[in-house]
Amino acid sequence: MKAAYVHIRQTGAQIRTTAREFGVPEASLRHRLCGRENPESVHSGPQPPFSNEEEAHLVEHIKTMAECGYGYGRAEVVTMASEYAVYLEKRDQAHPLSMKWFRGFMPRWTELISFETLWS
């Protein structure tokens, strides 16, 4: 998708032809070109509730606790992240984060996979 986007921006090629040539959906390419979608966006769907800096803070806490001998389990990470989201006023108590959030969180922070305690 990014290659098709760059190709159109640099050469001024037609969107439909470029979409076919690069094997990407024409509508998605149009959305990125007109500014409806972020050209750097890789995944569709809602954005994560935390910014990169906020997630990094959460990850550092998890790693520090693991080094001290207390590894969090998946449910504990979700609970802790939900409390953090409430603290940052990004969620309310009635709408905690879910395991679906956790499944999206882990691929963004592959360094945590080495901490086996997260998978208990």
PDB file of N, CA and C in Angstrom:
ATOM      1  N   MET A   1       0.834  -1.185   0.000  1.00  0.00           N
ATOM      2  CA  MET A   1       0.000   0.000   0.000  1.00  0.00           C
ATOM      3  C   MET A   1       0.879   1.250   0.000  1.00  0.00           C
ATOM      4  N   LYS A   2       1.903   1.233   0.850  1.00  0.00           N
ATOM      5  CA  LYS A   2       2.767   2.400   0.946  1.00  0.00           C
ATOM      6  C   LYS A   2       3.516   2.635  -0.368  1.00  0.00           C
ATOM      7  N   ALA A   3       3.948   1.547  -1.003  1.00  0.00           N
ATOM      8  CA  ALA A   3       4.664   1.674  -2.274  1.00  0.00           C
ATOM      9  C   ALA A   3       3.751   2.276  -3.344  1.00  0.00           C
ATOM     10  N   ALA A   4       2.493   1.861  -3.367  1.00  0.00           N
ATOM     11  CA  ALA A   4       1.535   2.404  -4.333  1.00  0.00           C
ATOM     12  C   ALA A   4       1.302   3.888  -4.061  1.00  0.00           C
ATOM     13  N   TYR A   5       1.171   4.240  -2.792  1.00  0.00           N
ATOM     14  CA  TYR A   5       0.963   5.636  -2.396  1.00  0.00           C
ATOM     15  C   TYR A   5       2.137   6.504  -2.865  1.00  0.00           C
ATOM     16  N   VAL A   6       3.349   6.042  -2.579  1.00  0.00           N
ATOM     17  CA  VAL A   6       4.547   6.787  -2.962  1.00  0.00           C
ATOM     18  C   VAL A   6       4.648   6.890  -4.485  1.00  0.00           C
ATOM     19  N   HIS A   7       4.340   5.803  -5.178  1.00  0.00           N
ATOM     20  CA  HIS A   7       4.399   5.796  -6.649  1.00  0.00           C
ATOM     21  C   HIS A   7       3.484   6.875  -7.236  1.00  0.00           C
ATOM     22  N   ILE A   8       2.272   6.967  -6.727  1.00  0.00           N
ATOM     23  CA  ILE A   8       1.329   7.972  -7.237  1.00  0.00           C
ATOM     24  C   ILE A   8       1.810   9.380  -6.913  1.00  0.00           C
ATOM     25  N   ARG A   9       2.290   9.593  -5.694  1.00  0.00           N
ATOM     26  CA  ARG A   9       2.762  10.924  -5.298  1.00  0.00           C
ATOM     27  C   ARG A   9       3.957  11.371  -6.133  1.00  0.00           C
ATOM     28  N   GLN A  10       4.855  10.422  -6.455  1.00  0.00           N
ATOM     29  CA  GLN A  10       6.066  10.791  -7.193  1.00  0.00           C
ATOM     30  C   GLN A  10       5.833  10.921  -8.693  1.00  0.00           C
ATOM     31  N   THR A  11       4.991  10.058  -9.253  1.00  0.00           N
ATOM     32  CA  THR A  11       4.838  10.039 -10.710  1.00  0.00           C
ATOM     33  C   THR A  11       3.536  10.648 -11.200  1.00  0.00           C
ATOM     34  N   GLY A  12       2.551  10.772 -10.322  1.00  0.00           N
ATOM     35  CA  GLY A  12       1.255  11.280 -10.747  1.00  0.00           C
ATOM     36  C   GLY A  12       0.453  10.261 -11.544  1.00  0.00           C
ATOM     37  N   ALA A  13       0.768   8.993 -11.367  1.00  0.00           N
ATOM     38  CA  ALA A  13       0.080   7.919 -12.095  1.00  0.00           C
ATOM     39  C   ALA A  13      -1.388   7.861 -11.694  1.00  0.00           C
ATOM     40  N   GLN A  14      -2.190   7.194 -12.515  1.00  0.00           N
ATOM     41  CA  GLN A  14      -3.610   7.052 -12.230  1.00  0.00           C
ATOM     42  C   GLN A  14      -3.817   6.086 -11.062  1.00  0.00           C
ATOM     43  N   ILE A  15      -4.799   6.397 -10.237  1.00  0.00           N
ATOM     44  CA  ILE A  15      -5.060   5.607  -9.034  1.00  0.00           C
ATOM     45  C   ILE A  15      -5.511   4.200  -9.394  1.00  0.00           C
ATOM     46  N   ARG A  16      -6.465   4.085 -10.296  1.00  0.00           N
ATOM     47  CA  ARG A  16      -7.011   2.768 -10.645  1.00  0.00           C
ATOM     48  C   ARG A  16      -5.919   1.849 -11.211  1.00  0.00           C
ATOM     49  N   THR A  17      -5.112   2.375 -12.112  1.00  0.00           N
ATOM     50  CA  THR A  17      -4.038   1.586 -12.725  1.00  0.00           C
ATOM     51  C   THR A  17      -3.010   1.166 -11.680  1.00  0.00           C
ATOM     52  N   THR A  18      -2.630   2.099 -10.831  1.00  0.00           N
ATOM     53  CA  THR A  18      -1.643   1.807  -9.794  1.00  0.00           C
ATOM     54  C   THR A  18      -2.180   0.789  -8.805  1.00  0.00           C
ATOM     55  N   ALA A  19      -3.437   0.907  -8.426  1.00  0.00           N
ATOM     56  CA  ALA A  19      -4.038  -0.049  -7.494  1.00  0.00           C
ATOM     57  C   ALA A  19      -3.987  -1.456  -8.078  1.00  0.00           C
ATOM     58  N   ARG A  20      -4.332  -1.581  -9.344  1.00  0.00           N
ATOM     59  CA  ARG A  20      -4.288  -2.891 -10.003  1.00  0.00           C
ATOM     60  C   ARG A  20      -2.848  -3.398 -10.090  1.00  0.00           C
ATOM     61  N   GLU A  21      -1.946  -2.512 -10.437  1.00  0.00           N
ATOM     62  CA  GLU A  21      -0.531  -2.859 -10.605  1.00  0.00           C
ATOM     63  C   GLU A  21       0.090  -3.349  -9.293  1.00  0.00           C
ATOM     64  N   PHE A  22      -0.253  -2.702  -8.179  1.00  0.00           N
ATOM     65  CA  PHE A  22       0.325  -3.054  -6.886  1.00  0.00           C
ATOM     66  C   PHE A  22      -0.530  -4.051  -6.107  1.00  0.00           C
ATOM     67  N   GLY A  23      -1.714  -4.357  -6.623  1.00  0.00           N
ATOM     68  CA  GLY A  23      -2.585  -5.338  -5.970  1.00  0.00           C
ATOM     69  C   GLY A  23      -3.169  -4.853  -4.654  1.00  0.00           C
ATOM     70  N   VAL A  24      -3.547  -3.584  -4.613  1.00  0.00           N
ATOM     71  CA  VAL A  24      -4.147  -3.020  -3.399  1.00  0.00           C
ATOM     72  C   VAL A  24      -5.550  -2.515  -3.727  1.00  0.00           C
ATOM     73  N   PRO A  25      -6.432  -2.437  -2.730  1.00  0.00           N
ATOM     74  CA  PRO A  25      -7.785  -1.932  -2.988  1.00  0.00           C
ATOM     75  C   PRO A  25      -7.752  -0.468  -3.436  1.00  0.00           C
ATOM     76  N   GLU A  26      -8.464  -0.192  -4.499  1.00  0.00           N
ATOM     77  CA  GLU A  26      -8.494   1.161  -5.056  1.00  0.00           C
ATOM     78  C   GLU A  26      -9.067   2.165  -4.057  1.00  0.00           C
ATOM     79  N   ALA A  27     -10.151   1.780  -3.384  1.00  0.00           N
ATOM     80  CA  ALA A  27     -10.795   2.701  -2.437  1.00  0.00           C
ATOM     81  C   ALA A  27      -9.852   3.058  -1.287  1.00  0.00           C
ATOM     82  N   SER A  28      -9.129   2.079  -0.777  1.00  0.00           N
ATOM     83  CA  SER A  28      -8.187   2.349   0.318  1.00  0.00           C
ATOM     84  C   SER A  28      -7.093   3.303  -0.133  1.00  0.00           C
ATOM     85  N   LEU A  29      -6.616   3.092  -1.340  1.00  0.00           N
ATOM     86  CA  LEU A  29      -5.585   3.973  -1.885  1.00  0.00           C
ATOM     87  C   LEU A  29      -6.127   5.394  -2.056  1.00  0.00           C
ATOM     88  N   ARG A  30      -7.342   5.520  -2.553  1.00  0.00           N
ATOM     89  CA  ARG A  30      -7.973   6.841  -2.705  1.00  0.00           C
ATOM     90  C   ARG A  30      -8.124   7.535  -1.347  1.00  0.00           C
ATOM     91  N   HIS A  31      -8.536   6.776  -0.336  1.00  0.00           N
ATOM     92  CA  HIS A  31      -8.720   7.360   0.998  1.00  0.00           C
ATOM     93  C   HIS A  31      -7.409   7.909   1.541  1.00  0.00           C
ATOM     94  N   ARG A  32      -6.326   7.210   1.308  1.00  0.00           N
ATOM     95  CA  ARG A  32      -5.031   7.689   1.786  1.00  0.00           C
ATOM     96  C   ARG A  32      -4.589   8.934   1.011  1.00  0.00           C
ATOM     97  N   LEU A  33      -4.853   8.946  -0.270  1.00  0.00           N
ATOM     98  CA  LEU A  33      -4.434  10.076  -1.103  1.00  0.00           C
ATOM     99  C   LEU A  33      -5.223  11.352  -0.816  1.00  0.00           C
ATOM    100  N   CYS A  34      -6.503  11.222  -0.503  1.00  0.00           N
ATOM    101  CA  CYS A  34      -7.319  12.421  -0.260  1.00  0.00           C
ATOM    102  C   CYS A  34      -7.257  12.873   1.202  1.00  0.00           C
ATOM    103  N   GLY A  35      -6.555  12.113   2.053  1.00  0.00           N
ATOM    104  CA  GLY A  35      -6.391  12.515   3.438  1.00  0.00           C
ATOM    105  C   GLY A  35      -7.421  11.951   4.390  1.00  0.00           C
ATOM    106  N   ARG A  36      -8.326  11.131   3.890  1.00  0.00           N
ATOM    107  CA  ARG A  36      -9.347  10.529   4.755  1.00  0.00           C
ATOM    108  C   ARG A  36      -8.728   9.506   5.709  1.00  0.00           C
ATOM    109  N   GLU A  37      -7.671   8.828   5.249  1.00  0.00           N
ATOM    110  CA  GLU A  37      -6.932   7.856   6.057  1.00  0.00           C
ATOM    111  C   GLU A  37      -5.490   8.316   6.153  1.00  0.00           C
ATOM    112  N   ASN A  38      -4.852   7.973   7.251  1.00  0.00           N
ATOM    113  CA  ASN A  38      -3.444   8.280   7.431  1.00  0.00           C
ATOM    114  C   ASN A  38      -2.622   7.386   6.499  1.00  0.00           C
ATOM    115  N   PRO A  39      -1.768   7.957   5.643  1.00  0.00           N
ATOM    116  CA  PRO A  39      -0.969   7.132   4.731  1.00  0.00           C
ATOM    117  C   PRO A  39      -0.027   6.178   5.462  1.00  0.00           C
ATOM    118  N   GLU A  40       0.345   6.513   6.688  1.00  0.00           N
ATOM    119  CA  GLU A  40       1.248   5.662   7.461  1.00  0.00           C
ATOM    120  C   GLU A  40       0.509   4.549   8.192  1.00  0.00           C
ATOM    121  N   SER A  41      -0.806   4.599   8.193  1.00  0.00           N
ATOM    122  CA  SER A  41      -1.605   3.607   8.904  1.00  0.00           C
ATOM    123  C   SER A  41      -1.419   2.231   8.286  1.00  0.00           C
ATOM    124  N   VAL A  42      -1.151   1.263   9.147  1.00  0.00           N
ATOM    125  CA  VAL A  42      -0.924  -0.100   8.681  1.00  0.00           C
ATOM    126  C   VAL A  42      -2.160  -0.951   8.918  1.00  0.00           C
ATOM    127  N   HIS A  43      -2.839  -0.726  10.015  1.00  0.00           N
ATOM    128  CA  HIS A  43      -3.986  -1.536  10.395  1.00  0.00           C
ATOM    129  C   HIS A  43      -5.270  -0.724  10.301  1.00  0.00           C
ATOM    130  N   SER A  44      -6.325  -1.412   9.955  1.00  0.00           N
ATOM    131  CA  SER A  44      -7.623  -0.756   9.964  1.00  0.00           C
ATOM    132  C   SER A  44      -8.235  -0.914  11.348  1.00  0.00           C
ATOM    133  N   GLY A  45      -9.321  -0.239  11.577  1.00  0.00           N
ATOM    134  CA  GLY A  45      -9.990  -0.351  12.864  1.00  0.00           C
ATOM    135  C   GLY A  45      -9.606   0.782  13.789  1.00  0.00           C
ATOM    136  N   PRO A  46     -10.121   0.719  15.009  1.00  0.00           N
ATOM    137  CA  PRO A  46      -9.856   1.803  15.952  1.00  0.00           C
ATOM    138  C   PRO A  46      -8.395   1.840  16.389  1.00  0.00           C
ATOM    139  N   GLN A  47      -7.947   3.025  16.733  1.00  0.00           N
ATOM    140  CA  GLN A  47      -6.590   3.203  17.229  1.00  0.00           C
ATOM    141  C   GLN A  47      -6.494   2.656  18.653  1.00  0.00           C
ATOM    142  N   PRO A  48      -5.306   2.243  19.085  1.00  0.00           N
ATOM    143  CA  PRO A  48      -5.137   1.791  20.468  1.00  0.00           C
ATOM    144  C   PRO A  48      -5.500   2.914  21.443  1.00  0.00           C
ATOM    145  N   PRO A  49      -5.968   2.561  22.640  1.00  0.00           N
ATOM    146  CA  PRO A  49      -6.370   3.598  23.590  1.00  0.00           C
ATOM    147  C   PRO A  49      -5.202   4.419  24.126  1.00  0.00           C
ATOM    148  N   PHE A  50      -3.990   3.870  24.087  1.00  0.00           N
ATOM    149  CA  PHE A  50      -2.822   4.568  24.620  1.00  0.00           C
ATOM    150  C   PHE A  50      -1.924   5.053  23.488  1.00  0.00           C
ATOM    151  N   SER A  51      -1.229   6.162  23.729  1.00  0.00           N
ATOM    152  CA  SER A  51      -0.209   6.618  22.785  1.00  0.00           C
ATOM    153  C   SER A  51       1.012   5.712  22.939  1.00  0.00           C
ATOM    154  N   ASN A  52       1.974   5.840  22.045  1.00  0.00           N
ATOM    155  CA  ASN A  52       3.195   5.034  22.140  1.00  0.00           C
ATOM    156  C   ASN A  52       3.927   5.296  23.454  1.00  0.00           C
ATOM    157  N   GLU A  53       3.962   6.547  23.889  1.00  0.00           N
ATOM    158  CA  GLU A  53       4.654   6.894  25.129  1.00  0.00           C
ATOM    159  C   GLU A  53       3.953   6.272  26.339  1.00  0.00           C
ATOM    160  N   GLU A  54       2.626   6.316  26.326  1.00  0.00           N
ATOM    161  CA  GLU A  54       1.868   5.742  27.442  1.00  0.00           C
ATOM    162  C   GLU A  54       2.037   4.226  27.489  1.00  0.00           C
ATOM    163  N   GLU A  55       2.020   3.582  26.322  1.00  0.00           N
ATOM    164  CA  GLU A  55       2.239   2.135  26.292  1.00  0.00           C
ATOM    165  C   GLU A  55       3.658   1.810  26.729  1.00  0.00           C
ATOM    166  N   ALA A  56       4.628   2.629  26.329  1.00  0.00           N
ATOM    167  CA  ALA A  56       6.016   2.395  26.730  1.00  0.00           C
ATOM    168  C   ALA A  56       6.156   2.474  28.245  1.00  0.00           C
ATOM    169  N   HIS A  57       5.449   3.402  28.866  1.00  0.00           N
ATOM    170  CA  HIS A  57       5.466   3.522  30.327  1.00  0.00           C
ATOM    171  C   HIS A  57       4.911   2.249  30.971  1.00  0.00           C
ATOM    172  N   LEU A  58       3.829   1.745  30.430  1.00  0.00           N
ATOM    173  CA  LEU A  58       3.217   0.511  30.920  1.00  0.00           C
ATOM    174  C   LEU A  58       4.178  -0.664  30.746  1.00  0.00           C
ATOM    175  N   VAL A  59       4.822  -0.751  29.594  1.00  0.00           N
ATOM    176  CA  VAL A  59       5.768  -1.836  29.313  1.00  0.00           C
ATOM    177  C   VAL A  59       6.952  -1.778  30.269  1.00  0.00           C
ATOM    178  N   GLU A  60       7.467  -0.590  30.523  1.00  0.00           N
ATOM    179  CA  GLU A  60       8.596  -0.455  31.457  1.00  0.00           C
ATOM    180  C   GLU A  60       8.220  -0.950  32.847  1.00  0.00           C
ATOM    181  N   HIS A  61       7.012  -0.640  33.283  1.00  0.00           N
ATOM    182  CA  HIS A  61       6.557  -1.117  34.589  1.00  0.00           C
ATOM    183  C   HIS A  61       6.489  -2.645  34.606  1.00  0.00           C
ATOM    184  N   ILE A  62       5.937  -3.232  33.553  1.00  0.00           N
ATOM    185  CA  ILE A  62       5.825  -4.693  33.470  1.00  0.00           C
ATOM    186  C   ILE A  62       7.210  -5.329  33.505  1.00  0.00           C
ATOM    187  N   LYS A  63       8.156  -4.768  32.753  1.00  0.00           N
ATOM    188  CA  LYS A  63       9.511  -5.315  32.712  1.00  0.00           C
ATOM    189  C   LYS A  63      10.220  -5.159  34.054  1.00  0.00           C
ATOM    190  N   THR A  64      10.050  -4.011  34.687  1.00  0.00           N
ATOM    191  CA  THR A  64      10.675  -3.782  35.991  1.00  0.00           C
ATOM    192  C   THR A  64      10.166  -4.773  37.024  1.00  0.00           C
ATOM    193  N   MET A  65       8.864  -4.983  37.045  1.00  0.00           N
ATOM    194  CA  MET A  65       8.289  -5.928  38.004  1.00  0.00           C
ATOM    195  C   MET A  65       8.752  -7.355  37.710  1.00  0.00           C
ATOM    196  N   ALA A  66       8.891  -7.709  36.436  1.00  0.00           N
ATOM    197  CA  ALA A  66       9.364  -9.049  36.073  1.00  0.00           C
ATOM    198  C   ALA A  66      10.805  -9.250  36.530  1.00  0.00           C
ATOM    199  N   GLU A  67      11.617  -8.212  36.415  1.00  0.00           N
ATOM    200  CA  GLU A  67      13.008  -8.297  36.863  1.00  0.00           C
ATOM    201  C   GLU A  67      13.097  -8.436  38.381  1.00  0.00           C
ATOM    202  N   CYS A  68      12.107  -7.905  39.094  1.00  0.00           N
ATOM    203  CA  CYS A  68      12.061  -8.023  40.555  1.00  0.00           C
ATOM    204  C   CYS A  68      11.483  -9.364  40.998  1.00  0.00           C
ATOM    205  N   GLY A  69      11.042 -10.171  40.050  1.00  0.00           N
ATOM    206  CA  GLY A  69      10.517 -11.484  40.391  1.00  0.00           C
ATOM    207  C   GLY A  69       9.008 -11.584  40.389  1.00  0.00           C
ATOM    208  N   TYR A  70       8.330 -10.492  40.061  1.00  0.00           N
ATOM    209  CA  TYR A  70       6.873 -10.556  40.007  1.00  0.00           C
ATOM    210  C   TYR A  70       6.430 -10.327  38.573  1.00  0.00           C
ATOM    211  N   GLY A  71       6.103 -11.399  37.906  1.00  0.00           N
ATOM    212  CA  GLY A  71       5.622 -11.292  36.532  1.00  0.00           C
ATOM    213  C   GLY A  71       4.110 -11.244  36.516  1.00  0.00           C
ATOM    214  N   TYR A  72       3.573 -10.366  35.732  1.00  0.00           N
ATOM    215  CA  TYR A  72       2.123 -10.250  35.614  1.00  0.00           C
ATOM    216  C   TYR A  72       1.588 -11.291  34.640  1.00  0.00           C
ATOM    217  N   GLY A  73       0.425 -11.828  34.941  1.00  0.00           N
ATOM    218  CA  GLY A  73      -0.285 -12.691  34.004  1.00  0.00           C
ATOM    219  C   GLY A  73      -1.073 -11.839  33.029  1.00  0.00           C
ATOM    220  N   ARG A  74      -1.645 -12.482  32.028  1.00  0.00           N
ATOM    221  CA  ARG A  74      -2.402 -11.733  31.015  1.00  0.00           C
ATOM    222  C   ARG A  74      -3.539 -10.936  31.634  1.00  0.00           C
ATOM    223  N   ALA A  75      -4.311 -11.582  32.489  1.00  0.00           N
ATOM    224  CA  ALA A  75      -5.462 -10.897  33.099  1.00  0.00           C
ATOM    225  C   ALA A  75      -5.000  -9.723  33.958  1.00  0.00           C
ATOM    226  N   GLU A  76      -3.870  -9.894  34.649  1.00  0.00           N
ATOM    227  CA  GLU A  76      -3.352  -8.804  35.483  1.00  0.00           C
ATOM    228  C   GLU A  76      -2.887  -7.623  34.630  1.00  0.00           C
ATOM    229  N   VAL A  77      -2.290  -7.917  33.483  1.00  0.00           N
ATOM    230  CA  VAL A  77      -1.862  -6.839  32.583  1.00  0.00           C
ATOM    231  C   VAL A  77      -3.077  -6.070  32.078  1.00  0.00           C
ATOM    232  N   VAL A  78      -4.131  -6.793  31.713  1.00  0.00           N
ATOM    233  CA  VAL A  78      -5.353  -6.144  31.221  1.00  0.00           C
ATOM    234  C   VAL A  78      -5.979  -5.291  32.320  1.00  0.00           C
ATOM    235  N   THR A  79      -6.034  -5.826  33.537  1.00  0.00           N
ATOM    236  CA  THR A  79      -6.600  -5.076  34.661  1.00  0.00           C
ATOM    237  C   THR A  79      -5.778  -3.821  34.944  1.00  0.00           C
ATOM    238  N   MET A  80      -4.451  -3.981  34.976  1.00  0.00           N
ATOM    239  CA  MET A  80      -3.577  -2.846  35.242  1.00  0.00           C
ATOM    240  C   MET A  80      -3.709  -1.791  34.134  1.00  0.00           C
ATOM    241  N   ALA A  81      -3.765  -2.222  32.881  1.00  0.00           N
ATOM    242  CA  ALA A  81      -3.911  -1.290  31.764  1.00  0.00           C
ATOM    243  C   ALA A  81      -5.265  -0.583  31.820  1.00  0.00           C
ATOM    244  N   SER A  82      -6.301  -1.301  32.241  1.00  0.00           N
ATOM    245  CA  SER A  82      -7.626  -0.682  32.374  1.00  0.00           C
ATOM    246  C   SER A  82      -7.606   0.402  33.438  1.00  0.00           C
ATOM    247  N   GLU A  83      -6.949   0.115  34.564  1.00  0.00           N
ATOM    248  CA  GLU A  83      -6.837   1.113  35.632  1.00  0.00           C
ATOM    249  C   GLU A  83      -6.028   2.327  35.158  1.00  0.00           C
ATOM    250  N   TYR A  84      -4.994   2.073  34.375  1.00  0.00           N
ATOM    251  CA  TYR A  84      -4.179   3.150  33.814  1.00  0.00           C
ATOM    252  C   TYR A  84      -5.015   4.005  32.854  1.00  0.00           C
ATOM    253  N   ALA A  85      -5.849   3.358  32.050  1.00  0.00           N
ATOM    254  CA  ALA A  85      -6.719   4.079  31.114  1.00  0.00           C
ATOM    255  C   ALA A  85      -7.729   4.941  31.862  1.00  0.00           C
ATOM    256  N   VAL A  86      -8.249   4.432  32.975  1.00  0.00           N
ATOM    257  CA  VAL A  86      -9.182   5.216  33.796  1.00  0.00           C
ATOM    258  C   VAL A  86      -8.447   6.419  34.387  1.00  0.00           C
ATOM    259  N   TYR A  87      -7.225   6.188  34.882  1.00  0.00           N
ATOM    260  CA  TYR A  87      -6.416   7.263  35.452  1.00  0.00           C
ATOM    261  C   TYR A  87      -6.152   8.365  34.416  1.00  0.00           C
ATOM    262  N   LEU A  88      -5.884   7.952  33.172  1.00  0.00           N
ATOM    263  CA  LEU A  88      -5.619   8.918  32.101  1.00  0.00           C
ATOM    264  C   LEU A  88      -6.894   9.488  31.488  1.00  0.00           C
ATOM    265  N   GLU A  89      -8.044   9.062  32.014  1.00  0.00           N
ATOM    266  CA  GLU A  89      -9.367   9.476  31.546  1.00  0.00           C
ATOM    267  C   GLU A  89      -9.600   9.106  30.079  1.00  0.00           C
ATOM    268  N   LYS A  90      -9.095   7.940  29.687  1.00  0.00           N
ATOM    269  CA  LYS A  90      -9.320   7.427  28.339  1.00  0.00           C
ATOM    270  C   LYS A  90     -10.420   6.375  28.339  1.00  0.00           C
ATOM    271  N   ARG A  91     -10.746   5.866  29.502  1.00  0.00           N
ATOM    272  CA  ARG A  91     -11.830   4.901  29.698  1.00  0.00           C
ATOM    273  C   ARG A  91     -12.492   5.229  31.024  1.00  0.00           C
ATOM    274  N   ASP A  92     -13.699   4.667  31.225  1.00  0.00           N
ATOM    275  CA  ASP A  92     -14.309   4.770  32.543  1.00  0.00           C
ATOM    276  C   ASP A  92     -14.374   3.370  33.150  1.00  0.00           C
ATOM    277  N   GLN A  93     -14.688   3.317  34.432  1.00  0.00           N
ATOM    278  CA  GLN A  93     -14.709   2.038  35.161  1.00  0.00           C
ATOM    279  C   GLN A  93     -15.641   1.026  34.510  1.00  0.00           C
ATOM    280  N   ALA A  94     -16.709   1.487  33.900  1.00  0.00           N
ATOM    281  CA  ALA A  94     -17.710   0.585  33.324  1.00  0.00           C
ATOM    282  C   ALA A  94     -17.255  -0.044  32.009  1.00  0.00           C
ATOM    283  N   HIS A  95     -16.188   0.463  31.417  1.00  0.00           N
ATOM    284  CA  HIS A  95     -15.720  -0.042  30.127  1.00  0.00           C
ATOM    285  C   HIS A  95     -14.227  -0.383  30.181  1.00  0.00           C
ATOM    286  N   PRO A  96     -13.863  -1.463  30.880  1.00  0.00           N
ATOM    287  CA  PRO A  96     -12.446  -1.831  30.970  1.00  0.00           C
ATOM    288  C   PRO A  96     -11.928  -2.385  29.641  1.00  0.00           C
ATOM    289  N   LEU A  97     -10.620  -2.464  29.535  1.00  0.00           N
ATOM    290  CA  LEU A  97     -10.005  -3.074  28.358  1.00  0.00           C
ATOM    291  C   LEU A  97     -10.260  -4.578  28.393  1.00  0.00           C
ATOM    292  N   SER A  98     -10.099  -5.221  27.257  1.00  0.00           N
ATOM    293  CA  SER A  98     -10.411  -6.647  27.159  1.00  0.00           C
ATOM    294  C   SER A  98      -9.183  -7.436  26.719  1.00  0.00           C
ATOM    295  N   MET A  99      -9.354  -8.764  26.650  1.00  0.00           N
ATOM    296  CA  MET A  99      -8.284  -9.614  26.150  1.00  0.00           C
ATOM    297  C   MET A  99      -8.006  -9.300  24.677  1.00  0.00           C
ATOM    298  N   LYS A 100      -8.991  -8.792  23.976  1.00  0.00           N
ATOM    299  CA  LYS A 100      -8.776  -8.385  22.584  1.00  0.00           C
ATOM    300  C   LYS A 100      -7.741  -7.262  22.536  1.00  0.00           C
ATOM    301  N   TRP A 101      -7.815  -6.337  23.490  1.00  0.00           N
ATOM    302  CA  TRP A 101      -6.803  -5.286  23.574  1.00  0.00           C
ATOM    303  C   TRP A 101      -5.439  -5.918  23.798  1.00  0.00           C
ATOM    304  N   PHE A 102      -5.361  -6.901  24.691  1.00  0.00           N
ATOM    305  CA  PHE A 102      -4.095  -7.559  25.003  1.00  0.00           C
ATOM    306  C   PHE A 102      -3.511  -8.226  23.757  1.00  0.00           C
ATOM    307  N   ARG A 103      -4.369  -8.872  22.967  1.00  0.00           N
ATOM    308  CA  ARG A 103      -3.897  -9.540  21.750  1.00  0.00           C
ATOM    309  C   ARG A 103      -3.379  -8.534  20.724  1.00  0.00           C
ATOM    310  N   GLY A 104      -3.849  -7.313  20.760  1.00  0.00           N
ATOM    311  CA  GLY A 104      -3.309  -6.264  19.899  1.00  0.00           C
ATOM    312  C   GLY A 104      -2.062  -5.625  20.487  1.00  0.00           C
ATOM    313  N   PHE A 105      -1.994  -5.596  21.810  1.00  0.00           N
ATOM    314  CA  PHE A 105      -0.875  -4.988  22.532  1.00  0.00           C
ATOM    315  C   PHE A 105       0.410  -5.797  22.361  1.00  0.00           C
ATOM    316  N   MET A 106       0.321  -7.107  22.484  1.00  0.00           N
ATOM    317  CA  MET A 106       1.516  -7.949  22.453  1.00  0.00           C
ATOM    318  C   MET A 106       2.301  -7.859  21.139  1.00  0.00           C
ATOM    319  N   PRO A 107       1.673  -7.875  19.975  1.00  0.00           N
ATOM    320  CA  PRO A 107       2.473  -7.728  18.748  1.00  0.00           C
ATOM    321  C   PRO A 107       3.175  -6.372  18.639  1.00  0.00           C
ATOM    322  N   ARG A 108       2.631  -5.352  19.293  1.00  0.00           N
ATOM    323  CA  ARG A 108       3.287  -4.039  19.274  1.00  0.00           C
ATOM    324  C   ARG A 108       4.510  -4.021  20.180  1.00  0.00           C
ATOM    325  N   TRP A 109       4.555  -4.911  21.166  1.00  0.00           N
ATOM    326  CA  TRP A 109       5.650  -4.950  22.135  1.00  0.00           C
ATOM    327  C   TRP A 109       6.204  -6.371  22.209  1.00  0.00           C
ATOM    328  N   THR A 110       6.843  -6.793  21.140  1.00  0.00           N
ATOM    329  CA  THR A 110       7.338  -8.171  21.047  1.00  0.00           C
ATOM    330  C   THR A 110       8.402  -8.483  22.090  1.00  0.00           C
ATOM    331  N   GLU A 111       9.049  -7.470  22.636  1.00  0.00           N
ATOM    332  CA  GLU A 111      10.067  -7.727  23.662  1.00  0.00           C
ATOM    333  C   GLU A 111       9.459  -8.350  24.914  1.00  0.00           C
ATOM    334  N   LEU A 112       8.169  -8.172  25.134  1.00  0.00           N
ATOM    335  CA  LEU A 112       7.522  -8.761  26.305  1.00  0.00           C
ATOM    336  C   LEU A 112       7.295 -10.252  26.146  1.00  0.00           C
ATOM    337  N   ILE A 113       7.319 -10.736  24.922  1.00  0.00           N
ATOM    338  CA  ILE A 113       7.085 -12.155  24.701  1.00  0.00           C
ATOM    339  C   ILE A 113       8.164 -12.979  25.384  1.00  0.00           C
ATOM    340  N   SER A 114       9.366 -12.426  25.530  1.00  0.00           N
ATOM    341  CA  SER A 114      10.447 -13.164  26.181  1.00  0.00           C
ATOM    342  C   SER A 114      10.192 -13.357  27.674  1.00  0.00           C
ATOM    343  N   PHE A 115       9.330 -12.546  28.251  1.00  0.00           N
ATOM    344  CA  PHE A 115       8.988 -12.712  29.656  1.00  0.00           C
ATOM    345  C   PHE A 115       7.892 -13.764  29.760  1.00  0.00           C
ATOM    346  N   GLU A 116       8.279 -15.002  30.049  1.00  0.00           N
ATOM    347  CA  GLU A 116       7.333 -16.115  30.072  1.00  0.00           C
ATOM    348  C   GLU A 116       6.224 -15.902  31.089  1.00  0.00           C
ATOM    349  N   THR A 117       6.462 -15.076  32.077  1.00  0.00           N
ATOM    350  CA  THR A 117       5.461 -14.870  33.115  1.00  0.00           C
ATOM    351  C   THR A 117       4.197 -14.227  32.573  1.00  0.00           C
ATOM    352  N   LEU A 118       4.291 -13.571  31.429  1.00  0.00           N
ATOM    353  CA  LEU A 118       3.095 -12.964  30.853  1.00  0.00           C
ATOM    354  C   LEU A 118       2.119 -14.001  30.324  1.00  0.00           C
ATOM    355  N   TRP A 119       2.578 -15.177  30.095  1.00  0.00           N
ATOM    356  CA  TRP A 119       1.733 -16.203  29.484  1.00  0.00           C
ATOM    357  C   TRP A 119       1.219 -17.197  30.504  1.00  0.00           C
ATOM    358  N   SER A 120       1.325 -16.883  31.776  1.00  0.00           N
ATOM    359  CA  SER A 120       0.852 -17.803  32.816  1.00  0.00           C
ATOM    360  C   SER A 120      -0.651 -17.766  32.935  1.00  0.00           C
TER     361      SER A 120
END
